[in-house]
Amino acid sequence: NEIGRLPPTFNDACKIAGAILTSDYEFGSGKIIYNKFRSVVSYQQSDLPLFSQKAVESSPKLATYDSLDADVIQSYMEFSLASMLFYALKEGACSEQSSRMTAMDNASKNRSEEHT
C-alpha cells in the first residue's frame, strides 16, 4: 500500500473510492475534508460535499436529464467520488509540499544566520 508515500494518482483515488463504496456503510450525505492550497505560506481547510446515490436519485432537478437509469447514475457516482477524492488528494499534497519547502527554507536561513 503506497497511498500517501508517493504523489497521489487517480488510481489511488479510485482505490479509496472503491473501498468506500464497497464498505456497506449507508450514508445520505458526507464531506471530504482537505487542505486547500492558497499560497506558498498558507492553506485553508475546506470540504467537498458527498451525496449517496439515493439522495441524487431523489433530486428534483434530475428529471431535467434524459435517459438516466440506475446504472448511469451509479457510474456517475463512482466517477464523481473518485474525481473529488483525487482533487482533495492533489490539493493536500500541494499544501504539504509547500509547507515542507517553507520549513526547509526557514531552516536553511536559520542555519546560515548562525554561521554569520
Protein backbone atom coordinates (compact mmCIF):
# COMPACT_ATOMS: atom_id res chain seq x y z
CA ASN A 1 0.00 0.00 0.00
CA GLU A 2 1.84 3.05 -1.28
CA ILE A 3 -1.02 5.56 -0.84
CA GLY A 4 0.36 8.64 0.89
CA ARG A 5 4.02 7.80 0.31
CA LEU A 6 4.22 8.91 -3.33
CA PRO A 7 2.42 11.77 -5.10
CA PRO A 8 -1.27 10.88 -5.41
CA THR A 9 -2.57 9.40 -8.64
CA PHE A 10 -6.09 8.91 -9.95
CA ASN A 11 -5.60 5.19 -9.36
CA ASP A 12 -5.07 5.91 -5.64
CA ALA A 13 -8.30 7.89 -5.58
CA CYS A 14 -10.10 5.02 -7.34
CA LYS A 15 -8.85 2.55 -4.72
CA ILE A 16 -10.09 4.80 -1.90
CA ALA A 17 -13.43 5.35 -3.65
CA GLY A 18 -13.78 1.61 -4.18
CA ALA A 19 -13.11 0.93 -0.51
CA ILE A 20 -15.76 3.49 0.47
CA LEU A 21 -18.33 2.15 -1.98
CA THR A 22 -17.80 -1.50 -1.00
CA SER A 23 -17.78 -0.84 2.75
CA ASP A 24 -21.56 -1.42 3.02
CA TYR A 25 -21.80 1.76 5.11
CA GLU A 26 -25.06 3.55 4.36
CA PHE A 27 -24.98 7.36 4.30
CA GLY A 28 -27.19 10.10 2.95
CA SER A 29 -24.51 12.74 2.74
CA GLY A 30 -20.98 13.42 3.92
CA LYS A 31 -17.91 15.58 3.43
CA ILE A 32 -14.36 15.20 2.19
CA ILE A 33 -12.25 17.48 4.37
CA TYR A 34 -8.90 18.52 2.91
CA ASN A 35 -6.27 21.27 2.94
CA LYS A 36 -6.76 23.66 0.03
CA PHE A 37 -3.61 25.35 -1.24
CA ARG A 38 -3.81 29.16 -1.07
CA SER A 39 -0.21 30.35 -1.30
CA VAL A 40 3.33 29.22 -0.53
CA VAL A 41 2.84 30.09 3.13
CA SER A 42 -0.81 29.23 3.73
CA TYR A 43 -3.56 26.75 3.10
CA GLN A 44 -7.21 26.62 4.08
CA GLN A 45 -9.18 23.72 5.45
CA SER A 46 -12.04 23.09 3.03
CA ASP A 47 -14.65 20.46 2.37
CA LEU A 48 -16.43 18.89 -0.59
CA PRO A 49 -19.98 17.57 -0.19
CA LEU A 50 -20.74 13.91 -0.80
CA PHE A 51 -24.20 12.53 -1.54
CA SER A 52 -25.45 8.98 -1.71
CA GLN A 53 -26.92 7.54 -4.87
CA LYS A 54 -30.38 7.60 -3.27
CA ALA A 55 -30.00 11.30 -2.48
CA VAL A 56 -29.01 12.05 -6.09
CA GLU A 57 -31.84 9.92 -7.49
CA SER A 58 -34.37 11.81 -5.36
CA SER A 59 -33.09 15.21 -6.50
CA PRO A 60 -35.94 17.19 -8.10
CA LYS A 61 -33.75 18.52 -10.93
CA LEU A 62 -32.59 15.07 -12.02
CA ALA A 63 -35.61 14.79 -14.33
CA THR A 64 -34.03 17.53 -16.47
CA TYR A 65 -31.64 14.94 -17.91
CA ASP A 66 -32.83 12.33 -20.39
CA SER A 67 -32.15 8.60 -20.20
CA LEU A 68 -30.72 8.37 -16.71
CA ASP A 69 -31.18 4.86 -15.41
CA ALA A 70 -29.76 3.40 -12.21
CA ASP A 71 -26.60 2.13 -13.95
CA VAL A 72 -25.77 5.54 -15.42
CA ILE A 73 -26.29 7.23 -12.05
CA GLN A 74 -24.17 4.59 -10.29
CA SER A 75 -21.35 5.05 -12.82
CA TYR A 76 -21.58 8.82 -12.37
CA MET A 77 -21.47 8.49 -8.59
CA GLU A 78 -18.42 6.21 -8.70
CA PHE A 79 -16.51 8.50 -11.06
CA SER A 80 -17.61 11.62 -9.19
CA LEU A 81 -16.39 10.23 -5.86
CA ALA A 82 -13.03 9.20 -7.33
CA SER A 83 -12.65 12.61 -9.02
CA MET A 84 -13.42 14.55 -5.85
CA LEU A 85 -11.05 12.36 -3.83
CA PHE A 86 -8.31 12.88 -6.44
CA TYR A 87 -8.83 16.64 -6.28
CA ALA A 88 -8.65 16.60 -2.48
CA LEU A 89 -5.54 14.38 -2.52
CA LYS A 90 -3.76 16.67 -5.01
CA GLU A 91 -4.68 19.84 -3.09
CA GLY A 92 -3.50 18.23 0.15
CA ALA A 93 -0.25 17.06 -1.43
CA CYS A 94 0.38 20.54 -2.84
CA SER A 95 -0.24 22.12 0.57
CA GLU A 96 2.04 19.59 2.25
CA GLN A 97 4.85 20.11 -0.28
CA SER A 98 4.56 23.88 0.10
CA SER A 99 4.77 23.58 3.90
CA ARG A 100 7.84 21.35 3.60
CA MET A 101 9.56 23.76 1.21
CA THR A 102 8.83 26.71 3.51
CA ALA A 103 10.12 24.79 6.53
CA MET A 104 13.32 23.80 4.72
CA ASP A 105 13.84 27.38 3.52
CA ASN A 106 13.41 28.69 7.06
CA ALA A 107 15.78 26.05 8.43
CA SER A 108 18.40 26.99 5.83
CA LYS A 109 18.06 30.68 6.66
CA ASN A 110 18.36 29.99 10.39
CA ARG A 111 21.41 27.82 9.83
CA SER A 112 23.13 30.45 7.67
CA GLU A 113 22.38 33.14 10.30
CA GLU A 114 24.12 31.02 12.96
CA HIS A 115 27.31 30.97 10.89
CA THR A 116 27.50 34.72 10.35
